[in-house]
Amino acid sequence: MPITLRGDTEWVTGNMGDNKRPEKILGVKGMNDLLPEEMARWEWLESLVSNLFRDYGYGQIRTPILESTALFVRGIGEVTDIVEKEMYTFTDALNGEQLTMRPENTAAVVRASIEHSMLYEGPRRLWYFGPMFRHERPQKGRYRQFYQFGVEALGQPEPEVDAEQLLMVWRLWERLGIELADRPGLEINSLGQTEERLAHRQALIAYFEKHAGDLDAEAQRRLHSNPLRILDSKNPAMAGLIEGAPRLPDFLGPQSLAHQERVLGALQAAGVPYQLNPRLVRGLDYYNLTVFEWVTDKLGAQGTVCGGGRYDGLIEQMGGKPSPACGMAMGVERLLALLEAVGRLGASAGPDVYLVHWVEGSDSDALACAEQLRNVGLSVQMHAGGGSLKSQMKRADASGARFAVLMGESELASNQVTVKVLRAGENGEKPLTPQTNQSAQITLPLAGAVEWMQALLDEEELRRGP
C-alpha cells in the first residue's frame, strides 16, 4: 500500500510493499530536538531563572507562538532584518489571514497587555520563557528555533527600573556560579528620545551621503530607510567609516542625559562594571533611551547572551494608552553554551535511584518497592528486561542515578534492600558506611535505606548552598 508523506516543498511517496526501507524524515534544519540527557540541564536553568524573576516581583505570562504578521511589522519595524528577511510568515488557508511565528516576544506581551487591559490598575512586571523562530542560516548559537527568557516592566518610567533589570542579570551570573573574570560584559548606550534620534538620523544621512562610494550594498539600501542600522554593520571594510560617523550621545538633551546618569549611578553604587558603547543600537526599532547588551568572548561570533532596553513608545504605537516600558531577553542556548565554556555545567542529572532486581519472579516486589520510594519523594527508574546483576549494574551506572537499590535473593528473603552509592557527592568522595567504614554500600530494611539515602542527599544540598 503506498503511503504519502508531506515534506517541506513536495509530496514524498514510499511503498510499504517493496523491499526497501522508507526514507527517513529528518527534523527541520536549525530546529533542534531536546533529548532527555539535555532536558535535565534545561529544567535546572528554567527553575533557577524563574525563581530569580519571582524574587524581583515578575509574574509569568505565556503568549501564542502564532500572531498576526501586522503585530511584528508595526512593533519591530518594517525595515529591520527580522521583518525583511527572517520571519516565518504564511497565509492562513481558512480565512486568508497573514500569520507569523513569533521572532521575539516583546511585541506579543505588549499586545496581550493592551488586549486584556493589564495596566488598568497600575504597572505590571511580566516574565516569559519559550521558543522563538527566525528564518536564517543555522550556525552554532544561532538557530531557526531558539528559546528565550525575558522580562517586561510595563508602566514604569523610572531609570531605576532599567538599572534594576541590569542588577538582576548580574545576580543571575552570581547564582549560576560564573566567576567574575568569566562573566559577560555589560555594554550600554542611550538612544535618547524621538526628536534627538531624528536629528542624529539626519546627520548620519548627510555624513554617509558624502561617503556613498564607500558604502556596501546593504548600507546603501539602508541609507534613507534606517541609517542607524549602518552603525551595526559587521563589514570590516566599513569600520573606519563608521567610527567617524556622528555619535548619538552628542545629540542627547538634558532629560535623556539625566536618565542615563541615574542608570549608570545605580550600577556604580552596586559595583556592576559596564562599558559605554555609543555605537550600540540593537536590531529593533522600538527602543529609546537605555539600550544594553551582555557580551561574552567565550562563544565566538555569537557573543551576545542578553540584550534589551527601554521602549516607552511601543504600547501607544500598538494601540494602547501611552505608557513607558523596559525589558530584556536572553537566549537559553547561548546561556547554556556559556556555562559549558566556563566549566559551570555538569553532567545531566539522572534519577535518584536505579532499582536492580535479577531474581526470577521479583518483578512485583520490585514494582512495589519502587512505588514506596517514590512515595517519599525519590525519583526512581526500575530496571526492565531482565539480565544478570552485572548487566543491570552497567545500566544503573549509565542512567546517571545517584544510588542503585539492589533486590537479590538474600534481600528478598530478609525483607531488606542493599543500597550502593554510584556517584560521589559534592565533596568528590563517596560516603562511608558507619558499620564498615568501607565504600558506601549498606543493607537495611527499606525504611532505614530511605532514611540513609535522604540523609546523604540532604547533606549534599546543605553543602551546595543556595
Protein backbone atom coordinates (compact mmCIF):
# COMPACT_ATOMS: atom_id res chain seq x y z
CA MET A 1 0.00 0.00 0.00
CA PRO A 2 1.51 3.39 -0.96
CA ILE A 3 1.97 5.89 1.85
CA THR A 4 2.19 9.59 1.09
CA LEU A 5 4.03 11.91 3.46
CA ARG A 6 4.16 15.66 3.16
CA GLY A 7 7.65 17.18 3.08
CA ASP A 8 8.68 20.83 3.14
CA THR A 9 8.05 21.56 -0.54
CA GLU A 10 6.79 18.36 -2.15
CA TRP A 11 4.97 15.12 -1.51
CA VAL A 12 7.28 12.20 -0.78
CA THR A 13 5.83 8.78 -1.56
CA GLY A 14 7.01 5.46 -0.19
CA ASN A 15 5.70 1.95 -0.76
CA MET A 16 5.44 -0.49 2.12
CA GLY A 17 5.18 -3.41 -0.29
CA ASP A 18 8.70 -3.23 -1.73
CA ASN A 19 11.87 -4.44 -0.02
CA LYS A 20 13.37 -1.01 0.56
CA ARG A 21 13.05 0.73 3.88
CA PRO A 22 11.18 4.07 3.59
CA GLU A 23 13.42 7.12 3.56
CA LYS A 24 13.88 8.76 6.94
CA ILE A 25 12.11 12.04 7.55
CA LEU A 26 14.51 14.32 9.43
CA GLY A 27 13.86 17.38 11.54
CA VAL A 28 13.95 20.84 10.00
CA LYS A 29 17.49 22.18 9.82
CA GLY A 30 18.13 24.65 12.61
CA MET A 31 15.24 23.36 14.73
CA ASN A 32 16.70 21.00 17.28
CA ASP A 33 15.28 18.19 19.36
CA LEU A 34 15.93 18.46 23.09
CA LEU A 35 16.68 14.94 24.30
CA PRO A 36 16.26 13.69 27.87
CA GLU A 37 20.00 13.91 28.53
CA GLU A 38 19.85 17.66 27.81
CA MET A 39 16.49 18.39 29.38
CA ALA A 40 17.78 17.98 32.94
CA ARG A 41 20.05 20.99 32.34
CA TRP A 42 17.24 22.98 30.73
CA GLU A 43 14.86 22.25 33.60
CA TRP A 44 17.52 23.22 36.15
CA LEU A 45 18.18 26.51 34.35
CA GLU A 46 14.48 27.29 33.91
CA SER A 47 13.89 26.72 37.62
CA LEU A 48 16.81 28.93 38.65
CA VAL A 49 15.89 31.79 36.30
CA SER A 50 12.16 31.69 37.07
CA ASN A 51 12.93 31.86 40.80
CA LEU A 52 15.15 34.87 40.17
CA PHE A 53 12.41 36.66 38.24
CA ARG A 54 9.92 36.00 41.02
CA ASP A 55 12.41 37.40 43.53
CA TYR A 56 12.14 40.70 41.63
CA GLY A 57 8.34 40.70 41.52
CA TYR A 58 7.75 39.43 37.97
CA GLY A 59 4.80 37.17 37.15
CA GLN A 60 4.83 34.71 34.26
CA ILE A 61 2.89 35.28 31.03
CA ARG A 62 2.52 32.91 28.08
CA THR A 63 1.52 34.18 24.65
CA PRO A 64 0.75 32.16 21.48
CA ILE A 65 3.51 31.15 19.12
CA LEU A 66 1.40 32.41 16.18
CA GLU A 67 0.49 36.08 15.97
CA SER A 68 -0.83 38.40 13.29
CA THR A 69 2.00 39.43 10.96
CA ALA A 70 0.97 43.06 11.38
CA LEU A 71 1.94 42.87 15.06
CA PHE A 72 5.62 42.39 14.26
CA VAL A 73 5.69 44.69 11.21
CA ARG A 74 4.32 47.53 13.34
CA GLY A 75 6.13 46.63 16.55
CA ILE A 76 9.61 45.59 15.38
CA GLY A 77 9.85 47.86 12.32
CA GLU A 78 9.22 47.26 8.65
CA VAL A 79 12.82 47.89 7.57
CA THR A 80 14.53 45.70 10.17
CA ASP A 81 16.36 42.49 9.25
CA ILE A 82 13.84 40.46 11.23
CA VAL A 83 10.80 41.67 9.29
CA GLU A 84 12.51 41.90 5.92
CA LYS A 85 14.35 38.58 5.92
CA GLU A 86 13.85 36.36 8.95
CA MET A 87 10.16 35.88 9.78
CA TYR A 88 8.27 32.64 9.19
CA THR A 89 5.11 34.07 7.65
CA PHE A 90 2.25 32.33 5.87
CA THR A 91 -1.35 32.88 4.80
CA ASP A 92 -3.99 31.01 6.78
CA ALA A 93 -5.85 28.94 4.19
CA LEU A 94 -9.00 29.09 6.31
CA ASN A 95 -9.53 32.85 6.27
CA GLY A 96 -6.64 34.44 4.34
CA GLU A 97 -5.12 36.00 7.46
CA GLN A 98 -1.38 36.70 7.45
CA LEU A 99 0.22 34.90 10.39
CA THR A 100 3.80 34.79 11.69
CA MET A 101 5.63 32.51 14.10
CA ARG A 102 6.92 34.92 16.72
CA PRO A 103 10.54 36.04 16.11
CA GLU A 104 10.63 37.74 19.53
CA ASN A 105 8.15 38.17 22.37
CA THR A 106 8.10 41.80 23.47
CA ALA A 107 5.54 42.81 20.83
CA ALA A 108 3.32 39.87 21.81
CA VAL A 109 3.49 40.72 25.52
CA VAL A 110 2.57 44.33 24.72
CA ARG A 111 -0.32 43.12 22.54
CA ALA A 112 -1.59 40.93 25.38
CA SER A 113 -1.30 43.76 27.92
CA ILE A 114 -3.42 46.02 25.70
CA GLU A 115 -5.96 43.35 24.77
CA HIS A 116 -6.57 42.36 28.41
CA SER A 117 -6.28 45.89 29.90
CA MET A 118 -3.49 44.68 32.15
CA LEU A 119 -2.30 48.20 33.02
CA TYR A 120 -5.73 49.44 34.11
CA GLU A 121 -4.87 49.08 37.79
CA GLY A 122 -1.23 50.09 37.52
CA PRO A 123 2.21 48.91 36.31
CA ARG A 124 2.87 45.23 35.67
CA ARG A 125 6.03 43.14 35.75
CA LEU A 126 5.94 40.10 33.46
CA TRP A 127 8.36 37.34 32.50
CA TYR A 128 8.22 34.66 29.82
CA PHE A 129 10.02 31.61 28.53
CA GLY A 130 9.51 29.87 25.22
CA PRO A 131 10.55 29.24 21.61
CA MET A 132 11.10 31.98 19.01
CA PHE A 133 11.57 31.49 15.27
CA ARG A 134 13.76 33.21 12.69
CA HIS A 135 14.44 32.04 9.16
CA GLU A 136 18.20 32.45 8.90
CA ARG A 137 21.24 30.34 8.14
CA PRO A 138 21.70 27.98 11.10
CA GLN A 139 25.04 28.05 12.89
CA LYS A 140 26.29 27.35 16.38
CA GLY A 141 24.44 29.58 18.81
CA ARG A 142 22.08 30.84 16.10
CA TYR A 143 19.14 28.59 15.28
CA ARG A 144 15.85 28.84 13.41
CA GLN A 145 14.01 27.78 16.54
CA PHE A 146 15.59 29.10 19.70
CA TYR A 147 14.45 29.71 23.25
CA GLN A 148 14.44 32.89 25.29
CA PHE A 149 13.81 34.05 28.82
CA GLY A 150 12.57 37.60 29.02
CA VAL A 151 11.13 40.23 31.35
CA GLU A 152 8.98 43.27 30.62
CA ALA A 153 8.30 46.06 33.16
CA LEU A 154 5.23 47.87 31.82
CA GLY A 155 4.07 51.28 33.02
CA GLN A 156 7.29 52.22 34.85
CA PRO A 157 9.29 55.23 33.58
CA GLU A 158 11.93 55.39 36.31
CA PRO A 159 15.56 54.88 35.23
CA GLU A 160 15.98 52.77 38.38
CA VAL A 161 13.81 50.13 36.68
CA ASP A 162 16.35 49.96 33.83
CA ALA A 163 19.13 49.62 36.38
CA GLU A 164 17.27 47.01 38.41
CA GLN A 165 16.94 44.75 35.38
CA LEU A 166 20.69 45.03 34.85
CA LEU A 167 21.31 44.22 38.52
CA MET A 168 19.02 41.22 38.12
CA VAL A 169 21.22 39.87 35.32
CA TRP A 170 24.32 40.47 37.46
CA ARG A 171 22.67 38.46 40.23
CA LEU A 172 21.93 35.73 37.70
CA TRP A 173 25.65 35.40 36.92
CA GLU A 174 26.23 35.04 40.66
CA ARG A 175 23.58 32.36 41.11
CA LEU A 176 24.94 30.45 38.15
CA GLY A 177 28.36 30.44 39.80
CA ILE A 178 30.13 32.27 36.98
CA GLU A 179 33.41 33.75 38.20
CA LEU A 180 33.93 37.49 37.77
CA ALA A 181 36.56 37.02 35.06
CA ASP A 182 34.21 34.79 33.04
CA ARG A 183 31.05 36.90 33.26
CA PRO A 184 29.66 38.62 30.16
CA GLY A 185 30.49 42.30 30.00
CA LEU A 186 27.76 44.94 30.05
CA GLU A 187 27.72 47.38 27.12
CA ILE A 188 25.24 50.24 27.48
CA ASN A 189 24.11 53.26 25.48
CA SER A 190 21.27 55.77 25.30
CA LEU A 191 19.21 56.20 22.13
CA GLY A 192 17.58 59.33 23.54
CA GLN A 193 14.10 60.45 22.55
CA THR A 194 12.42 60.63 19.15
CA GLU A 195 13.41 64.21 18.28
CA GLU A 196 17.02 63.54 19.30
CA ARG A 197 17.19 60.42 17.17
CA LEU A 198 15.68 62.31 14.22
CA ALA A 199 18.40 64.97 14.46
CA HIS A 200 21.05 62.27 14.68
CA ARG A 201 19.41 60.43 11.77
CA GLN A 202 19.66 63.49 9.50
CA ALA A 203 23.31 63.94 10.47
CA LEU A 204 24.01 60.28 9.69
CA ILE A 205 22.36 60.50 6.27
CA ALA A 206 24.33 63.63 5.40
CA TYR A 207 27.57 62.00 6.56
CA PHE A 208 27.09 58.73 4.71
CA GLU A 209 25.89 60.52 1.55
CA LYS A 210 29.27 62.24 1.44
CA HIS A 211 30.90 58.79 1.54
CA ALA A 212 28.36 56.95 -0.62
CA GLY A 213 31.12 55.33 -2.67
CA ASP A 214 32.46 53.60 0.43
CA LEU A 215 29.13 52.04 1.45
CA ASP A 216 28.46 48.37 0.77
CA ALA A 217 25.20 47.31 -0.87
CA GLU A 218 23.43 46.72 2.46
CA ALA A 219 24.41 50.13 3.80
CA GLN A 220 23.28 51.84 0.59
CA ARG A 221 19.91 50.11 0.88
CA ARG A 222 19.51 51.30 4.44
CA LEU A 223 20.85 54.82 3.95
CA HIS A 224 17.46 56.54 3.82
CA SER A 225 15.22 53.88 5.39
CA ASN A 226 17.17 53.03 8.56
CA PRO A 227 20.62 54.67 8.65
CA LEU A 228 21.08 53.88 12.36
CA ARG A 229 21.44 50.21 11.46
CA ILE A 230 24.50 51.04 9.31
CA LEU A 231 26.34 51.59 12.60
CA ASP A 232 25.72 47.93 13.41
CA SER A 233 27.40 46.70 10.22
CA LYS A 234 29.81 43.78 10.66
CA ASN A 235 31.66 44.62 7.41
CA PRO A 236 35.31 45.26 8.43
CA ALA A 237 35.84 47.39 5.31
CA MET A 238 33.40 49.95 6.72
CA ALA A 239 34.79 50.02 10.28
CA GLY A 240 36.79 53.24 9.79
CA LEU A 241 33.88 54.98 8.10
CA ILE A 242 31.51 54.03 10.89
CA GLU A 243 34.00 55.14 13.54
CA GLY A 244 33.95 58.65 12.08
CA ALA A 245 30.15 58.90 11.88
CA PRO A 246 28.20 61.34 14.07
CA ARG A 247 27.64 59.94 17.56
CA LEU A 248 24.18 59.81 19.08
CA PRO A 249 25.36 60.88 22.59
CA ASP A 250 26.30 64.25 21.08
CA PHE A 251 22.62 64.83 20.23
CA LEU A 252 21.12 63.92 23.60
CA GLY A 253 19.27 66.61 25.55
CA PRO A 254 19.35 67.25 29.32
CA GLN A 255 16.49 64.87 30.16
CA SER A 256 17.98 61.93 28.26
CA LEU A 257 21.40 62.56 29.78
CA ALA A 258 19.88 62.77 33.26
CA HIS A 259 18.08 59.44 32.72
CA GLN A 260 21.32 57.80 31.65
CA GLU A 261 23.24 59.25 34.59
CA ARG A 262 20.75 57.78 37.06
CA VAL A 263 21.07 54.34 35.44
CA LEU A 264 24.86 54.49 35.48
CA GLY A 265 24.88 55.82 39.02
CA ALA A 266 22.83 52.86 40.24
CA LEU A 267 25.24 50.45 38.52
CA GLN A 268 28.24 52.17 40.09
CA ALA A 269 26.64 52.08 43.54
CA ALA A 270 26.03 48.34 43.17
CA GLY A 271 29.56 47.66 41.91
CA VAL A 272 28.43 46.40 38.49
CA PRO A 273 31.06 47.12 35.81
CA TYR A 274 29.93 48.47 32.44
CA GLN A 275 31.25 49.99 29.24
CA LEU A 276 29.62 52.87 27.40
CA ASN A 277 29.22 51.96 23.73
CA PRO A 278 27.96 54.91 21.65
CA ARG A 279 27.52 52.65 18.59
CA LEU A 280 25.19 50.19 20.31
CA VAL A 281 21.79 50.43 18.61
CA ARG A 282 20.12 46.97 18.87
CA GLY A 283 18.21 45.42 15.96
CA LEU A 284 14.66 46.51 16.81
CA ASP A 285 13.09 49.89 16.05
CA TYR A 286 11.05 50.30 19.23
CA TYR A 287 13.90 51.19 21.63
CA ASN A 288 14.53 54.62 23.17
CA LEU A 289 16.78 55.87 25.96
CA THR A 290 18.56 52.90 27.62
CA VAL A 291 19.77 50.02 25.44
CA PHE A 292 22.20 47.34 26.59
CA GLU A 293 23.83 44.03 25.75
CA TRP A 294 25.68 41.50 27.87
CA VAL A 295 28.51 40.22 25.65
CA THR A 296 30.98 37.37 26.15
CA ASP A 297 34.15 36.43 24.28
CA LYS A 298 33.65 32.73 25.12
CA LEU A 299 31.23 31.96 22.26
CA GLY A 300 32.89 33.32 19.15
CA ALA A 301 30.76 35.44 16.83
CA GLN A 302 27.53 34.75 18.75
CA GLY A 303 28.67 36.60 21.86
CA THR A 304 25.52 38.49 22.86
CA VAL A 305 23.90 36.48 25.66
CA CYS A 306 21.33 39.03 26.81
CA GLY A 307 20.02 42.32 25.45
CA GLY A 308 17.26 44.83 25.93
CA GLY A 309 16.35 48.36 26.84
CA ARG A 310 13.56 50.89 27.20
CA TYR A 311 10.64 51.17 24.74
CA ASP A 312 8.43 53.96 26.03
CA GLY A 313 6.53 54.48 22.77
CA LEU A 314 5.67 50.91 21.83
CA ILE A 315 2.46 50.48 23.83
CA GLU A 316 0.95 53.59 22.26
CA GLN A 317 2.26 52.53 18.85
CA MET A 318 0.43 49.20 19.26
CA GLY A 319 -2.89 50.93 20.01
CA GLY A 320 -2.75 51.22 23.80
CA LYS A 321 -2.68 54.25 26.05
CA PRO A 322 0.76 55.89 26.25
CA SER A 323 2.79 54.01 28.83
CA PRO A 324 6.55 53.60 29.40
CA ALA A 325 8.18 50.19 29.47
CA CYS A 326 11.53 48.47 29.76
CA GLY A 327 12.56 44.87 29.11
CA MET A 328 15.19 42.37 28.07
CA ALA A 329 15.61 38.85 26.73
CA MET A 330 18.36 36.23 26.94
CA GLY A 331 18.99 33.24 24.71
CA VAL A 332 18.82 29.92 26.53
CA GLU A 333 21.05 28.01 24.10
CA ARG A 334 23.76 30.65 24.35
CA LEU A 335 23.46 30.81 28.12
CA LEU A 336 23.92 27.03 28.39
CA ALA A 337 26.85 27.20 25.95
CA LEU A 338 28.45 29.88 28.11
CA LEU A 339 28.02 27.78 31.25
CA GLU A 340 29.66 24.85 29.50
CA ALA A 341 32.51 27.04 28.21
CA VAL A 342 33.35 28.30 31.72
CA GLY A 343 33.01 24.88 33.35
CA ARG A 344 29.80 25.55 35.27
CA LEU A 345 27.64 22.96 33.54
CA GLY A 346 28.00 19.49 35.00
CA ALA A 347 26.70 16.20 33.71
CA SER A 348 22.95 15.90 33.28
CA ALA A 349 21.26 14.62 36.43
CA GLY A 350 19.78 11.14 36.41
CA PRO A 351 17.20 9.69 38.80
CA ASP A 352 17.90 9.38 42.50
CA VAL A 353 17.59 5.59 42.38
CA TYR A 354 18.02 2.83 39.81
CA LEU A 355 16.25 -0.29 41.07
CA VAL A 356 18.14 -3.51 40.27
CA HIS A 357 16.35 -6.90 40.58
CA TRP A 358 17.55 -10.07 38.92
CA VAL A 359 15.72 -12.89 40.73
CA GLU A 360 13.10 -14.62 38.63
CA GLY A 361 9.61 -13.64 39.72
CA SER A 362 10.75 -10.48 41.57
CA ASP A 363 9.03 -8.02 39.25
CA SER A 364 6.04 -7.40 41.52
CA ASP A 365 8.24 -6.95 44.60
CA ALA A 366 10.47 -4.51 42.68
CA LEU A 367 7.47 -2.55 41.43
CA ALA A 368 6.08 -2.24 44.97
CA CYS A 369 9.48 -1.13 46.26
CA ALA A 370 9.79 1.50 43.50
CA GLU A 371 6.40 2.94 44.38
CA GLN A 372 7.31 3.16 48.07
CA LEU A 373 10.49 5.03 47.18
CA ARG A 374 8.51 7.44 45.03
CA ASN A 375 6.05 7.95 47.88
CA VAL A 376 8.82 9.56 49.95
CA GLY A 377 9.93 11.85 47.12
CA LEU A 378 12.76 9.91 45.47
CA SER A 379 12.87 9.64 41.69
CA VAL A 380 13.23 6.01 40.61
CA GLN A 381 13.99 4.16 37.39
CA MET A 382 13.18 0.46 37.70
CA HIS A 383 15.14 -1.94 35.54
CA ALA A 384 13.09 -3.67 32.88
CA GLY A 385 14.02 -6.50 30.56
CA GLY A 386 15.79 -8.95 32.85
CA GLY A 387 19.51 -9.66 32.78
CA SER A 388 22.23 -10.55 35.24
CA LEU A 389 23.30 -8.44 38.19
CA LYS A 390 26.40 -7.32 36.27
CA SER A 391 24.46 -6.21 33.19
CA GLN A 392 21.87 -4.41 35.29
CA MET A 393 24.56 -2.57 37.26
CA LYS A 394 26.01 -1.33 33.96
CA ARG A 395 22.59 0.04 33.12
CA ALA A 396 22.32 1.60 36.56
CA ASP A 397 25.64 3.39 36.15
CA ALA A 398 24.74 4.58 32.65
CA SER A 399 21.45 6.02 33.92
CA GLY A 400 23.24 8.69 35.95
CA ALA A 401 21.46 7.59 39.12
CA ARG A 402 22.90 8.59 42.49
CA PHE A 403 22.10 5.23 44.10
CA ALA A 404 21.46 1.65 43.00
CA VAL A 405 18.95 -0.22 45.15
CA LEU A 406 19.54 -3.99 44.84
CA MET A 407 16.92 -6.68 45.42
CA GLY A 408 18.52 -10.12 45.20
CA GLU A 409 17.70 -13.45 46.82
CA SER A 410 19.11 -12.58 50.24
CA GLU A 411 17.41 -9.17 50.27
CA LEU A 412 14.04 -10.66 49.31
CA ALA A 413 14.39 -13.39 51.93
CA SER A 414 15.24 -10.91 54.72
CA ASN A 415 12.82 -8.20 53.57
CA GLN A 416 15.69 -5.74 53.10
CA VAL A 417 17.42 -3.89 50.27
CA THR A 418 21.06 -3.15 49.53
CA VAL A 419 21.92 0.45 48.64
CA LYS A 420 25.08 1.15 46.64
CA VAL A 421 26.31 4.69 46.03
CA LEU A 422 27.06 5.09 42.33
CA ARG A 423 28.26 8.68 42.27
CA ALA A 424 30.39 10.84 44.50
CA GLY A 425 28.79 13.70 46.37
CA GLU A 426 29.73 17.36 46.15
CA ASN A 427 32.99 16.75 48.03
CA GLY A 428 34.12 14.34 45.30
CA GLU A 429 34.20 11.33 47.63
CA LYS A 430 31.71 8.54 48.22
CA PRO A 431 30.49 8.46 51.83
CA LEU A 432 31.48 5.65 54.17
CA THR A 433 29.05 3.32 55.89
CA PRO A 434 29.00 3.73 59.68
CA GLN A 435 29.10 -0.05 60.21
CA THR A 436 32.04 -0.98 57.99
CA ASN A 437 33.88 2.25 57.23
CA GLN A 438 34.09 0.95 53.66
CA SER A 439 32.99 2.49 50.36
CA ALA A 440 29.28 3.19 50.63
CA GLN A 441 27.15 0.09 50.34
CA ILE A 442 24.69 -0.90 53.03
CA THR A 443 21.91 -3.43 53.57
CA LEU A 444 18.91 -2.27 55.60
CA PRO A 445 15.14 -2.61 55.76
CA LEU A 446 13.57 -0.32 53.18
CA ALA A 447 12.60 2.38 55.68
CA GLY A 448 16.16 2.55 57.01
CA ALA A 449 17.60 2.59 53.50
CA VAL A 450 15.33 5.50 52.56
CA GLU A 451 16.42 7.44 55.65
CA TRP A 452 20.09 6.77 54.85
CA MET A 453 19.78 7.93 51.21
CA GLN A 454 17.81 11.03 52.15
CA ALA A 455 20.38 11.98 54.77
CA LEU A 456 23.14 11.87 52.15
CA LEU A 457 21.09 13.92 49.68
CA ASP A 458 20.20 16.49 52.36
CA GLU A 459 23.85 16.79 53.40
CA GLU A 460 24.90 17.47 49.82
CA GLU A 461 22.15 20.05 49.40
CA LEU A 462 23.34 21.90 52.50
CA ARG A 463 26.94 21.74 51.29
CA ARG A 464 25.90 23.01 47.86
CA GLY A 465 24.16 26.04 49.40
CA PRO A 466 21.54 28.29 47.77
